[in-house]
Amino acid sequence: MVKGSKVRWGIMGTGVIAEQFVTDLAFTSTGIPYAVGSRQKSKAADFASRYDIPKAYGSYKELIEDPEVDVVYIATPHRYHLENSLNSLRAGKAVLCEKPITVNRQELEVLISEARARDLFLMEAMWMLFLPPMRRALEWITEGRIGEVRLVQAEFGFVGDGEPEGRLLNPELAGGALLDVGVYPVALATAIYGSQPSQIMSTSSIGETGVDEQFSALLTYDSGKSASLHGSITLGMRNEAVIHGTEGCIVLPSMNKAPSAILYKEGQEVENYSDERQGKGYEYEADEVGRSLLAGRKECEWLAPNWSLEVMRLLDALRAQWGLKYPFE
């Protein structure tokens, strides 16, 4: 239970995503950064100093044992999401875990079971789906503004650093394009269609380190609806999504950041929606968690753990087609 009028955040990890998240907390109405934890006290202290955070801990254990921390934001490498989330839940903390929330469906089922057994809040940090232009695009679909959606095209790719031991290419850290960037187009298709595809055809390029560096997937849903999804950590893509319906289409430039949503009918732009965000956009998911906790809810009303299970199920199916398993699985 939240003690005050605002949620006190504990930040687990001090990487780039953690920096962006804690910066955007300044633009929320529900939360404040209270503590940060790192495996190195010096990193935590530096992070706390730069972002005016009251407490800095040299271990994750100390962070989650702080009785003043209401919710833990987990920004560690994919492989450690299950361990870090479980430990946080067992310490009585609500959890917002970066995407992908776990490495596979089996891990996520363990995590959900723990959260429900302890009656604690759990959510995947799929920040893209909380951005106002993305929400508006999904509203247009629900309202029938583009008729029946028949095709989703989505891509996300960038050129990584190529460091074999780094997060992106290291199989011991669950590296690869699918879990790092492919989760965005997969999440979008799942949000739009709301079900599993009836058929999956996919291909991937497995690099020297044994992880997928690039992939393409064609998903077929009921009634011939489809999704064409692509991801890469070796190619700079436009990162655009186009949602085609029987009466128009919606374009999401720079899909993961969703600065705008553009509605077209008969090839003509009829509406262009953008927000006036002050931060990079992480404030929206943070406020959703804050509102949920302040209201006593244990799951986000429209992005519950069961939704994340559907995304993970599809990610698992794609990796199965490629014969890609991580050494620790």
C-alpha atoms as a PDB file:
ATOM      1  CA  MET A   1       0.000   0.000   0.000  1.00  0.00           C
ATOM      2  CA  VAL A   2       1.310   3.455  -0.929  1.00  0.00           C
ATOM      3  CA  LYS A   3       2.003   5.467   2.218  1.00  0.00           C
ATOM      4  CA  GLY A   4       1.710   9.001   0.850  1.00  0.00           C
ATOM      5  CA  SER A   5      -0.001  10.957  -1.897  1.00  0.00           C
ATOM      6  CA  LYS A   6       2.726  10.096  -4.389  1.00  0.00           C
ATOM      7  CA  VAL A   7       4.351   6.821  -5.348  1.00  0.00           C
ATOM      8  CA  ARG A   8       8.009   6.472  -4.361  1.00  0.00           C
ATOM      9  CA  TRP A   9      10.039   4.810  -7.100  1.00  0.00           C
ATOM     10  CA  GLY A  10      13.088   2.616  -6.649  1.00  0.00           C
ATOM     11  CA  ILE A  11      15.221   2.434  -9.795  1.00  0.00           C
ATOM     12  CA  MET A  12      17.035  -0.859 -10.366  1.00  0.00           C
ATOM     13  CA  GLY A  13      19.870  -0.343 -12.831  1.00  0.00           C
ATOM     14  CA  THR A  14      21.710   2.758 -14.004  1.00  0.00           C
ATOM     15  CA  GLY A  15      21.844   2.361 -17.783  1.00  0.00           C
ATOM     16  CA  VAL A  16      20.475   4.608 -20.527  1.00  0.00           C
ATOM     17  CA  ILE A  17      16.858   3.444 -20.172  1.00  0.00           C
ATOM     18  CA  ALA A  18      16.962   4.005 -16.419  1.00  0.00           C
ATOM     19  CA  GLU A  19      18.272   7.514 -17.065  1.00  0.00           C
ATOM     20  CA  GLN A  20      15.449   8.284 -19.494  1.00  0.00           C
ATOM     21  CA  PHE A  21      12.810   6.863 -17.176  1.00  0.00           C
ATOM     22  CA  VAL A  22      13.926   8.743 -14.073  1.00  0.00           C
ATOM     23  CA  THR A  23      14.256  11.983 -16.051  1.00  0.00           C
ATOM     24  CA  ASP A  24      10.644  11.645 -17.199  1.00  0.00           C
ATOM     25  CA  LEU A  25       9.420  11.031 -13.644  1.00  0.00           C
ATOM     26  CA  ALA A  26       9.736  14.803 -13.226  1.00  0.00           C
ATOM     27  CA  PHE A  27       6.805  15.175 -15.635  1.00  0.00           C
ATOM     28  CA  THR A  28       4.470  12.801 -13.806  1.00  0.00           C
ATOM     29  CA  SER A  29       1.727  13.792 -11.398  1.00  0.00           C
ATOM     30  CA  THR A  30       1.814  10.592  -9.365  1.00  0.00           C
ATOM     31  CA  GLY A  31       5.407   9.659  -8.593  1.00  0.00           C
ATOM     32  CA  ILE A  32       8.840  10.737  -7.413  1.00  0.00           C
ATOM     33  CA  PRO A  33      12.262   9.045  -7.644  1.00  0.00           C
ATOM     34  CA  TYR A  34      13.244   7.953  -4.159  1.00  0.00           C
ATOM     35  CA  ALA A  35      16.083   5.421  -4.432  1.00  0.00           C
ATOM     36  CA  VAL A  36      18.432   3.827  -6.948  1.00  0.00           C
ATOM     37  CA  GLY A  37      20.286   0.526  -6.741  1.00  0.00           C
ATOM     38  CA  SER A  38      23.303  -0.753  -8.645  1.00  0.00           C
ATOM     39  CA  ARG A  39      25.759  -3.585  -8.215  1.00  0.00           C
ATOM     40  CA  GLN A  40      28.380  -0.868  -7.709  1.00  0.00           C
ATOM     41  CA  LYS A  41      27.798   1.738  -5.002  1.00  0.00           C
ATOM     42  CA  SER A  42      29.805   4.340  -6.955  1.00  0.00           C
ATOM     43  CA  LYS A  43      27.468   4.027  -9.952  1.00  0.00           C
ATOM     44  CA  ALA A  44      24.411   4.322  -7.762  1.00  0.00           C
ATOM     45  CA  ALA A  45      25.846   7.344  -5.964  1.00  0.00           C
ATOM     46  CA  ASP A  46      26.702   9.068  -9.238  1.00  0.00           C
ATOM     47  CA  PHE A  47      23.246   8.336 -10.656  1.00  0.00           C
ATOM     48  CA  ALA A  48      21.565   9.628  -7.499  1.00  0.00           C
ATOM     49  CA  SER A  49      23.634  12.797  -7.588  1.00  0.00           C
ATOM     50  CA  ARG A  50      22.840  13.514 -11.231  1.00  0.00           C
ATOM     51  CA  TYR A  51      19.096  12.988 -10.820  1.00  0.00           C
ATOM     52  CA  ASP A  52      18.618  14.320  -7.285  1.00  0.00           C
ATOM     53  CA  ILE A  53      17.575  10.964  -5.816  1.00  0.00           C
ATOM     54  CA  PRO A  54      17.663  10.781  -1.992  1.00  0.00           C
ATOM     55  CA  LYS A  55      18.936   7.213  -1.564  1.00  0.00           C
ATOM     56  CA  ALA A  56      21.684   5.279  -3.368  1.00  0.00           C
ATOM     57  CA  TYR A  57      22.372   1.590  -2.739  1.00  0.00           C
ATOM     58  CA  GLY A  58      25.290  -0.582  -3.786  1.00  0.00           C
ATOM     59  CA  SER A  59      23.114  -3.674  -4.205  1.00  0.00           C
ATOM     60  CA  TYR A  60      19.668  -4.537  -5.499  1.00  0.00           C
ATOM     61  CA  LYS A  61      18.940  -6.263  -2.201  1.00  0.00           C
ATOM     62  CA  GLU A  62      19.324  -3.030  -0.239  1.00  0.00           C
ATOM     63  CA  LEU A  63      17.104  -1.209  -2.725  1.00  0.00           C
ATOM     64  CA  ILE A  64      14.181  -3.606  -2.472  1.00  0.00           C
ATOM     65  CA  GLU A  65      14.484  -3.850   1.310  1.00  0.00           C
ATOM     66  CA  ASP A  66      14.023  -0.097   1.758  1.00  0.00           C
ATOM     67  CA  PRO A  67      10.589   0.168   3.411  1.00  0.00           C
ATOM     68  CA  GLU A  68       9.935   3.569   1.785  1.00  0.00           C
ATOM     69  CA  VAL A  69      10.112   2.221  -1.786  1.00  0.00           C
ATOM     70  CA  ASP A  70       6.609   1.600  -3.161  1.00  0.00           C
ATOM     71  CA  VAL A  71       7.442   0.288  -6.631  1.00  0.00           C
ATOM     72  CA  VAL A  72      10.576  -0.917  -8.360  1.00  0.00           C
ATOM     73  CA  TYR A  73      11.361  -0.027 -11.961  1.00  0.00           C
ATOM     74  CA  ILE A  74      13.604  -2.783 -13.334  1.00  0.00           C
ATOM     75  CA  ALA A  75      15.992  -1.712 -16.093  1.00  0.00           C
ATOM     76  CA  THR A  76      18.499  -4.562 -16.047  1.00  0.00           C
ATOM     77  CA  PRO A  77      19.435  -6.873 -18.984  1.00  0.00           C
ATOM     78  CA  HIS A  78      16.704  -9.244 -20.204  1.00  0.00           C
ATOM     79  CA  ARG A  79      18.201 -12.342 -18.642  1.00  0.00           C
ATOM     80  CA  TYR A  80      17.874 -10.914 -15.132  1.00  0.00           C
ATOM     81  CA  HIS A  81      14.283  -9.661 -15.383  1.00  0.00           C
ATOM     82  CA  LEU A  82      12.804 -12.777 -13.788  1.00  0.00           C
ATOM     83  CA  GLU A  83      15.263 -12.874 -10.890  1.00  0.00           C
ATOM     84  CA  ASN A  84      15.079  -9.145 -10.207  1.00  0.00           C
ATOM     85  CA  SER A  85      11.286  -9.053 -10.457  1.00  0.00           C
ATOM     86  CA  LEU A  86      10.799 -12.113  -8.254  1.00  0.00           C
ATOM     87  CA  ASN A  87      13.108 -10.731  -5.585  1.00  0.00           C
ATOM     88  CA  SER A  88      11.273  -7.405  -5.654  1.00  0.00           C
ATOM     89  CA  LEU A  89       7.878  -9.073  -5.311  1.00  0.00           C
ATOM     90  CA  ARG A  90       9.147 -11.245  -2.477  1.00  0.00           C
ATOM     91  CA  ALA A  91      10.285  -8.066  -0.746  1.00  0.00           C
ATOM     92  CA  GLY A  92       6.722  -6.781  -0.991  1.00  0.00           C
ATOM     93  CA  LYS A  93       7.293  -4.306  -3.818  1.00  0.00           C
ATOM     94  CA  ALA A  94       5.131  -3.520  -6.825  1.00  0.00           C
ATOM     95  CA  VAL A  95       7.037  -4.042 -10.098  1.00  0.00           C
ATOM     96  CA  LEU A  96       7.303  -2.301 -13.435  1.00  0.00           C
ATOM     97  CA  CYS A  97       9.762  -4.329 -15.525  1.00  0.00           C
ATOM     98  CA  GLU A  98      11.267  -3.273 -18.821  1.00  0.00           C
ATOM     99  CA  LYS A  99      10.255  -5.110 -21.955  1.00  0.00           C
ATOM    100  CA  PRO A 100      10.459  -7.955 -22.603  1.00  0.00           C
ATOM    101  CA  ILE A 101       9.236  -8.601 -19.087  1.00  0.00           C
ATOM    102  CA  THR A 102      10.904 -12.041 -19.157  1.00  0.00           C
ATOM    103  CA  VAL A 103      12.847 -14.115 -21.665  1.00  0.00           C
ATOM    104  CA  ASN A 104      10.110 -16.684 -22.290  1.00  0.00           C
ATOM    105  CA  ARG A 105       6.531 -17.559 -21.414  1.00  0.00           C
ATOM    106  CA  GLN A 106       7.474 -20.094 -18.751  1.00  0.00           C
ATOM    107  CA  GLU A 107       9.385 -17.431 -16.818  1.00  0.00           C
ATOM    108  CA  LEU A 108       6.483 -15.017 -17.106  1.00  0.00           C
ATOM    109  CA  GLU A 109       4.018 -17.572 -15.767  1.00  0.00           C
ATOM    110  CA  VAL A 110       6.230 -17.981 -12.687  1.00  0.00           C
ATOM    111  CA  LEU A 111       6.348 -14.209 -12.245  1.00  0.00           C
ATOM    112  CA  ILE A 112       2.596 -13.716 -12.613  1.00  0.00           C
ATOM    113  CA  SER A 113       1.901 -16.515 -10.158  1.00  0.00           C
ATOM    114  CA  GLU A 114       4.171 -14.877  -7.595  1.00  0.00           C
ATOM    115  CA  ALA A 115       2.580 -11.436  -8.036  1.00  0.00           C
ATOM    116  CA  ARG A 116      -0.952 -12.787  -7.674  1.00  0.00           C
ATOM    117  CA  ALA A 117      -0.056 -14.974  -4.704  1.00  0.00           C
ATOM    118  CA  ARG A 118       1.314 -11.908  -2.931  1.00  0.00           C
ATOM    119  CA  ASP A 119      -1.451  -9.588  -4.200  1.00  0.00           C
ATOM    120  CA  LEU A 120       1.100  -7.203  -5.715  1.00  0.00           C
ATOM    121  CA  PHE A 121       1.067  -5.016  -8.813  1.00  0.00           C
ATOM    122  CA  LEU A 122       3.015  -6.234 -11.859  1.00  0.00           C
ATOM    123  CA  MET A 123       3.303  -4.652 -15.297  1.00  0.00           C
ATOM    124  CA  GLU A 124       5.544  -4.785 -18.343  1.00  0.00           C
ATOM    125  CA  ALA A 125       7.095  -1.445 -19.293  1.00  0.00           C
ATOM    126  CA  MET A 126       5.813  -1.376 -22.868  1.00  0.00           C
ATOM    127  CA  TRP A 127       6.077   2.410 -22.990  1.00  0.00           C
ATOM    128  CA  MET A 128       5.122   2.623 -26.682  1.00  0.00           C
ATOM    129  CA  LEU A 129       1.527   1.588 -25.956  1.00  0.00           C
ATOM    130  CA  PHE A 130       1.039   4.363 -23.394  1.00  0.00           C
ATOM    131  CA  LEU A 131       2.068   7.221 -25.683  1.00  0.00           C
ATOM    132  CA  PRO A 132      -0.913   9.473 -26.529  1.00  0.00           C
ATOM    133  CA  PRO A 133      -0.598   9.186 -30.341  1.00  0.00           C
ATOM    134  CA  MET A 134      -0.495   5.386 -30.015  1.00  0.00           C
ATOM    135  CA  ARG A 135      -3.540   5.472 -27.776  1.00  0.00           C
ATOM    136  CA  ARG A 136      -5.311   7.711 -30.298  1.00  0.00           C
ATOM    137  CA  ALA A 137      -4.460   5.315 -33.147  1.00  0.00           C
ATOM    138  CA  LEU A 138      -5.944   2.402 -31.202  1.00  0.00           C
ATOM    139  CA  GLU A 139      -9.042   4.519 -30.467  1.00  0.00           C
ATOM    140  CA  TRP A 140      -9.461   5.261 -34.182  1.00  0.00           C
ATOM    141  CA  ILE A 141      -9.382   1.520 -34.829  1.00  0.00           C
ATOM    142  CA  THR A 142     -11.953   0.812 -32.106  1.00  0.00           C
ATOM    143  CA  GLU A 143     -14.172   3.591 -33.455  1.00  0.00           C
ATOM    144  CA  GLY A 144     -14.045   2.045 -36.930  1.00  0.00           C
ATOM    145  CA  ARG A 145     -12.389   5.079 -38.490  1.00  0.00           C
ATOM    146  CA  ILE A 146     -10.447   2.919 -40.950  1.00  0.00           C
ATOM    147  CA  GLY A 147     -12.984   0.118 -41.201  1.00  0.00           C
ATOM    148  CA  GLU A 148     -11.805  -3.414 -40.540  1.00  0.00           C
ATOM    149  CA  VAL A 149      -8.063  -3.762 -40.037  1.00  0.00           C
ATOM    150  CA  ARG A 150      -6.680  -6.261 -42.550  1.00  0.00           C
ATOM    151  CA  LEU A 151      -2.921  -5.644 -42.500  1.00  0.00           C
ATOM    152  CA  VAL A 152      -0.383  -4.367 -39.983  1.00  0.00           C
ATOM    153  CA  GLN A 153       3.090  -3.476 -41.256  1.00  0.00           C
ATOM    154  CA  ALA A 154       5.665  -2.627 -38.590  1.00  0.00           C
ATOM    155  CA  GLU A 155       9.437  -2.470 -38.399  1.00  0.00           C
ATOM    156  CA  PHE A 156      12.047  -1.458 -35.879  1.00  0.00           C
ATOM    157  CA  GLY A 157      15.771  -1.603 -36.425  1.00  0.00           C
ATOM    158  CA  PHE A 158      19.007   0.221 -35.703  1.00  0.00           C
ATOM    159  CA  VAL A 159      22.728  -0.402 -36.105  1.00  0.00           C
ATOM    160  CA  GLY A 160      24.111  -1.705 -32.821  1.00  0.00           C
ATOM    161  CA  ASP A 161      27.638  -1.330 -31.514  1.00  0.00           C
ATOM    162  CA  GLY A 162      28.698  -4.778 -32.740  1.00  0.00           C
ATOM    163  CA  GLU A 163      30.308  -5.635 -29.406  1.00  0.00           C
ATOM    164  CA  PRO A 164      30.131  -9.456 -29.027  1.00  0.00           C
ATOM    165  CA  GLU A 165      30.062  -9.280 -25.228  1.00  0.00           C
ATOM    166  CA  GLY A 166      27.586  -6.411 -25.140  1.00  0.00           C
ATOM    167  CA  ARG A 167      23.913  -6.618 -24.307  1.00  0.00           C
ATOM    168  CA  LEU A 168      22.694  -6.841 -27.899  1.00  0.00           C
ATOM    169  CA  LEU A 169      24.822  -9.715 -29.170  1.00  0.00           C
ATOM    170  CA  ASN A 170      25.513 -11.765 -26.068  1.00  0.00           C
ATOM    171  CA  PRO A 171      23.367 -14.933 -25.871  1.00  0.00           C
ATOM    172  CA  GLU A 172      24.074 -15.172 -22.132  1.00  0.00           C
ATOM    173  CA  LEU A 173      22.181 -11.877 -21.784  1.00  0.00           C
ATOM    174  CA  ALA A 174      19.330 -12.966 -24.095  1.00  0.00           C
ATOM    175  CA  GLY A 175      20.582 -10.689 -26.826  1.00  0.00           C
ATOM    176  CA  GLY A 176      19.263 -10.462 -30.358  1.00  0.00           C
ATOM    177  CA  ALA A 177      16.896  -8.407 -32.477  1.00  0.00           C
ATOM    178  CA  LEU A 178      13.655 -10.134 -31.517  1.00  0.00           C
ATOM    179  CA  LEU A 179      13.679  -9.477 -27.779  1.00  0.00           C
ATOM    180  CA  ASP A 180      15.314  -6.071 -28.025  1.00  0.00           C
ATOM    181  CA  VAL A 181      13.489  -4.383 -30.912  1.00  0.00           C
ATOM    182  CA  GLY A 182      11.164  -7.017 -32.381  1.00  0.00           C
ATOM    183  CA  VAL A 183       9.038  -6.941 -29.273  1.00  0.00           C
ATOM    184  CA  TYR A 184       7.667  -3.561 -30.426  1.00  0.00           C
ATOM    185  CA  PRO A 185       6.086  -4.685 -33.726  1.00  0.00           C
ATOM    186  CA  VAL A 186       4.957  -7.947 -32.099  1.00  0.00           C
ATOM    187  CA  ALA A 187       3.312  -5.956 -29.296  1.00  0.00           C
ATOM    188  CA  LEU A 188       1.585  -3.676 -31.787  1.00  0.00           C
ATOM    189  CA  ALA A 189       0.154  -6.575 -33.788  1.00  0.00           C
ATOM    190  CA  THR A 190      -1.038  -8.203 -30.569  1.00  0.00           C
ATOM    191  CA  ALA A 191      -2.631  -4.958 -29.361  1.00  0.00           C
ATOM    192  CA  ILE A 192      -4.516  -4.569 -32.648  1.00  0.00           C
ATOM    193  CA  TYR A 193      -5.623  -8.123 -33.351  1.00  0.00           C
ATOM    194  CA  GLY A 194      -5.948  -9.291 -29.755  1.00  0.00           C
ATOM    195  CA  SER A 195      -5.284 -12.939 -30.561  1.00  0.00           C
ATOM    196  CA  GLN A 196      -2.614 -15.362 -31.693  1.00  0.00           C
ATOM    197  CA  PRO A 197      -2.009 -15.829 -35.420  1.00  0.00           C
ATOM    198  CA  SER A 198      -3.257 -19.021 -37.030  1.00  0.00           C
ATOM    199  CA  GLN A 199      -0.075 -19.289 -39.099  1.00  0.00           C
ATOM    200  CA  ILE A 200       3.473 -17.987 -38.691  1.00  0.00           C
ATOM    201  CA  MET A 201       6.071 -17.816 -41.444  1.00  0.00           C
ATOM    202  CA  SER A 202       9.371 -16.277 -40.448  1.00  0.00           C
ATOM    203  CA  THR A 203      13.056 -16.108 -41.170  1.00  0.00           C
ATOM    204  CA  SER A 204      16.029 -14.840 -39.211  1.00  0.00           C
ATOM    205  CA  SER A 205      19.719 -14.154 -39.661  1.00  0.00           C
ATOM    206  CA  ILE A 206      21.687 -15.765 -36.843  1.00  0.00           C
ATOM    207  CA  GLY A 207      25.045 -14.069 -36.327  1.00  0.00           C
ATOM    208  CA  GLU A 208      28.417 -15.328 -35.154  1.00  0.00           C
ATOM    209  CA  THR A 209      27.507 -15.000 -31.473  1.00  0.00           C
ATOM    210  CA  GLY A 210      24.426 -17.188 -31.922  1.00  0.00           C
ATOM    211  CA  VAL A 211      21.676 -14.571 -31.616  1.00  0.00           C
ATOM    212  CA  ASP A 212      19.277 -13.268 -34.245  1.00  0.00           C
ATOM    213  CA  GLU A 213      20.602 -10.081 -35.816  1.00  0.00           C
ATOM    214  CA  GLN A 214      17.681  -9.605 -38.180  1.00  0.00           C
ATOM    215  CA  PHE A 215      14.263 -11.187 -38.680  1.00  0.00           C
ATOM    216  CA  SER A 216      11.106 -10.991 -40.754  1.00  0.00           C
ATOM    217  CA  ALA A 217       7.745 -12.528 -39.905  1.00  0.00           C
ATOM    218  CA  LEU A 218       4.472 -12.867 -41.768  1.00  0.00           C
ATOM    219  CA  LEU A 219       1.583 -13.636 -39.439  1.00  0.00           C
ATOM    220  CA  THR A 220      -1.825 -14.788 -40.631  1.00  0.00           C
ATOM    221  CA  TYR A 221      -4.886 -14.280 -38.453  1.00  0.00           C
ATOM    222  CA  ASP A 222      -8.531 -15.309 -38.773  1.00  0.00           C
ATOM    223  CA  SER A 223     -10.330 -14.258 -41.971  1.00  0.00           C
ATOM    224  CA  GLY A 224      -7.055 -13.676 -43.776  1.00  0.00           C
ATOM    225  CA  LYS A 225      -5.920 -10.711 -41.711  1.00  0.00           C
ATOM    226  CA  SER A 226      -2.141 -10.437 -41.551  1.00  0.00           C
ATOM    227  CA  ALA A 227       0.867  -8.688 -40.079  1.00  0.00           C
ATOM    228  CA  SER A 228       4.261  -8.150 -41.681  1.00  0.00           C
ATOM    229  CA  LEU A 229       6.860  -7.533 -38.958  1.00  0.00           C
ATOM    230  CA  HIS A 230      10.588  -6.845 -39.179  1.00  0.00           C
ATOM    231  CA  GLY A 231      13.412  -6.139 -36.759  1.00  0.00           C
ATOM    232  CA  SER A 232      17.174  -5.708 -36.858  1.00  0.00           C
ATOM    233  CA  ILE A 233      20.161  -4.690 -34.754  1.00  0.00           C
ATOM    234  CA  THR A 234      22.361  -4.363 -37.849  1.00  0.00           C
ATOM    235  CA  LEU A 235      20.127  -2.205 -40.089  1.00  0.00           C
ATOM    236  CA  GLY A 236      18.897   1.331 -39.579  1.00  0.00           C
ATOM    237  CA  MET A 237      15.174   1.109 -40.387  1.00  0.00           C
ATOM    238  CA  ARG A 238      12.499   3.810 -40.605  1.00  0.00           C
ATOM    239  CA  ASN A 239      10.826   2.274 -37.555  1.00  0.00           C
ATOM    240  CA  GLU A 240       7.431   2.994 -39.033  1.00  0.00           C
ATOM    241  CA  ALA A 241       4.114   1.235 -38.605  1.00  0.00           C
ATOM    242  CA  VAL A 242       1.230   1.343 -41.083  1.00  0.00           C
ATOM    243  CA  ILE A 243      -2.157  -0.078 -40.121  1.00  0.00           C
ATOM    244  CA  HIS A 244      -4.321  -0.776 -43.164  1.00  0.00           C
ATOM    245  CA  GLY A 245      -8.101  -0.999 -42.906  1.00  0.00           C
ATOM    246  CA  THR A 246     -10.885  -1.412 -45.433  1.00  0.00           C
ATOM    247  CA  GLU A 247     -11.683   2.317 -45.264  1.00  0.00           C
ATOM    248  CA  GLY A 248      -8.299   3.931 -44.716  1.00  0.00           C
ATOM    249  CA  CYS A 249      -4.984   3.570 -42.918  1.00  0.00           C
ATOM    250  CA  ILE A 250      -3.074   4.903 -39.943  1.00  0.00           C
ATOM    251  CA  VAL A 251       0.619   5.766 -40.130  1.00  0.00           C
ATOM    252  CA  LEU A 252       2.789   5.827 -37.014  1.00  0.00           C
ATOM    253  CA  PRO A 253       6.135   7.449 -37.888  1.00  0.00           C
ATOM    254  CA  SER A 254       8.941   6.325 -35.579  1.00  0.00           C
ATOM    255  CA  MET A 255       6.596   3.732 -34.110  1.00  0.00           C
ATOM    256  CA  ASN A 256       8.371   3.102 -30.808  1.00  0.00           C
ATOM    257  CA  LYS A 257       8.438   6.813 -29.913  1.00  0.00           C
ATOM    258  CA  ALA A 258       5.054   7.529 -31.554  1.00  0.00           C
ATOM    259  CA  PRO A 259       5.419  11.316 -31.858  1.00  0.00           C
ATOM    260  CA  SER A 260       2.283  11.395 -33.999  1.00  0.00           C
ATOM    261  CA  ALA A 261      -0.500   9.323 -35.522  1.00  0.00           C
ATOM    262  CA  ILE A 262      -1.768  10.192 -38.995  1.00  0.00           C
ATOM    263  CA  LEU A 263      -5.133   9.060 -40.350  1.00  0.00           C
ATOM    264  CA  TYR A 264      -5.587   8.676 -44.113  1.00  0.00           C
ATOM    265  CA  LYS A 265      -8.704   8.048 -46.175  1.00  0.00           C
ATOM    266  CA  GLU A 266      -8.591   7.531 -49.936  1.00  0.00           C
ATOM    267  CA  GLY A 267      -4.931   8.487 -49.889  1.00  0.00           C
ATOM    268  CA  GLN A 268      -5.565  11.854 -48.254  1.00  0.00           C
ATOM    269  CA  GLU A 269      -4.515  12.913 -44.770  1.00  0.00           C
ATOM    270  CA  VAL A 270      -7.643  13.690 -42.749  1.00  0.00           C
ATOM    271  CA  GLU A 271      -6.281  13.896 -39.215  1.00  0.00           C
ATOM    272  CA  ASN A 272      -2.863  14.281 -37.623  1.00  0.00           C
ATOM    273  CA  TYR A 273      -2.586  13.834 -33.877  1.00  0.00           C
ATOM    274  CA  SER A 274       0.493  14.611 -31.794  1.00  0.00           C
ATOM    275  CA  ASP A 275       0.975  15.281 -28.100  1.00  0.00           C
ATOM    276  CA  GLU A 276       2.870  17.964 -26.251  1.00  0.00           C
ATOM    277  CA  ARG A 277       4.992  15.682 -24.114  1.00  0.00           C
ATOM    278  CA  GLN A 278       7.593  17.324 -21.958  1.00  0.00           C
ATOM    279  CA  GLY A 279       9.805  14.274 -21.640  1.00  0.00           C
ATOM    280  CA  LYS A 280      10.671  11.420 -23.962  1.00  0.00           C
ATOM    281  CA  GLY A 281       7.388   9.666 -23.195  1.00  0.00           C
ATOM    282  CA  TYR A 282       8.156   7.396 -20.242  1.00  0.00           C
ATOM    283  CA  GLU A 283       6.039   9.616 -18.008  1.00  0.00           C
ATOM    284  CA  TYR A 284       2.838   8.116 -19.408  1.00  0.00           C
ATOM    285  CA  GLU A 285       3.556   4.536 -18.363  1.00  0.00           C
ATOM    286  CA  ALA A 286       4.899   5.782 -15.015  1.00  0.00           C
ATOM    287  CA  ASP A 287       1.683   7.699 -14.356  1.00  0.00           C
ATOM    288  CA  GLU A 288      -0.399   4.669 -15.329  1.00  0.00           C
ATOM    289  CA  VAL A 289       1.432   2.652 -12.680  1.00  0.00           C
ATOM    290  CA  GLY A 290       1.094   5.488 -10.187  1.00  0.00           C
ATOM    291  CA  ARG A 291      -2.647   5.833 -10.723  1.00  0.00           C
ATOM    292  CA  SER A 292      -3.098   2.087 -10.417  1.00  0.00           C
ATOM    293  CA  LEU A 293      -1.173   1.882  -7.152  1.00  0.00           C
ATOM    294  CA  LEU A 294      -2.891   4.909  -5.636  1.00  0.00           C
ATOM    295  CA  ALA A 295      -6.250   3.352  -6.545  1.00  0.00           C
ATOM    296  CA  GLY A 296      -5.239   0.008  -5.039  1.00  0.00           C
ATOM    297  CA  ARG A 297      -5.292  -1.876  -8.351  1.00  0.00           C
ATOM    298  CA  LYS A 298      -2.993  -4.885  -8.787  1.00  0.00           C
ATOM    299  CA  GLU A 299      -2.906  -4.824 -12.604  1.00  0.00           C
ATOM    300  CA  CYS A 300      -3.107  -2.181 -15.288  1.00  0.00           C
ATOM    301  CA  GLU A 301      -6.680  -2.092 -16.558  1.00  0.00           C
ATOM    302  CA  TRP A 302      -5.744  -2.438 -20.239  1.00  0.00           C
ATOM    303  CA  LEU A 303      -2.196  -3.830 -20.204  1.00  0.00           C
ATOM    304  CA  ALA A 304      -2.445  -6.692 -17.742  1.00  0.00           C
ATOM    305  CA  PRO A 305       0.109  -9.506 -17.306  1.00  0.00           C
ATOM    306  CA  ASN A 306      -2.135 -11.816 -19.343  1.00  0.00           C
ATOM    307  CA  TRP A 307      -1.610  -9.487 -22.311  1.00  0.00           C
ATOM    308  CA  SER A 308       2.149  -9.801 -21.863  1.00  0.00           C
ATOM    309  CA  LEU A 309       1.691 -13.577 -21.877  1.00  0.00           C
ATOM    310  CA  GLU A 310       0.201 -13.369 -25.371  1.00  0.00           C
ATOM    311  CA  VAL A 311       3.150 -11.325 -26.609  1.00  0.00           C
ATOM    312  CA  MET A 312       5.605 -13.750 -25.018  1.00  0.00           C
ATOM    313  CA  ARG A 313       3.787 -16.711 -26.541  1.00  0.00           C
ATOM    314  CA  LEU A 314       4.355 -15.231 -29.993  1.00  0.00           C
ATOM    315  CA  LEU A 315       7.990 -14.382 -29.283  1.00  0.00           C
ATOM    316  CA  ASP A 316       8.555 -17.970 -28.161  1.00  0.00           C
ATOM    317  CA  ALA A 317       6.912 -19.318 -31.327  1.00  0.00           C
ATOM    318  CA  LEU A 318       9.196 -17.230 -33.532  1.00  0.00           C
ATOM    319  CA  ARG A 319      12.339 -18.351 -31.718  1.00  0.00           C
ATOM    320  CA  ALA A 320      11.151 -21.953 -31.940  1.00  0.00           C
ATOM    321  CA  GLN A 321      10.966 -21.656 -35.731  1.00  0.00           C
ATOM    322  CA  TRP A 322      14.572 -20.471 -35.784  1.00  0.00           C
ATOM    323  CA  GLY A 323      15.805 -23.085 -33.315  1.00  0.00           C
ATOM    324  CA  LEU A 324      17.080 -20.274 -31.116  1.00  0.00           C
ATOM    325  CA  LYS A 325      17.493 -21.048 -27.412  1.00  0.00           C
ATOM    326  CA  TYR A 326      19.653 -19.180 -24.960  1.00  0.00           C
ATOM    327  CA  PRO A 327      22.332 -21.120 -23.058  1.00  0.00           C
ATOM    328  CA  PHE A 328      20.564 -20.647 -19.704  1.00  0.00           C
ATOM    329  CA  GLU A 329      17.139 -21.876 -20.899  1.00  0.00           C
END
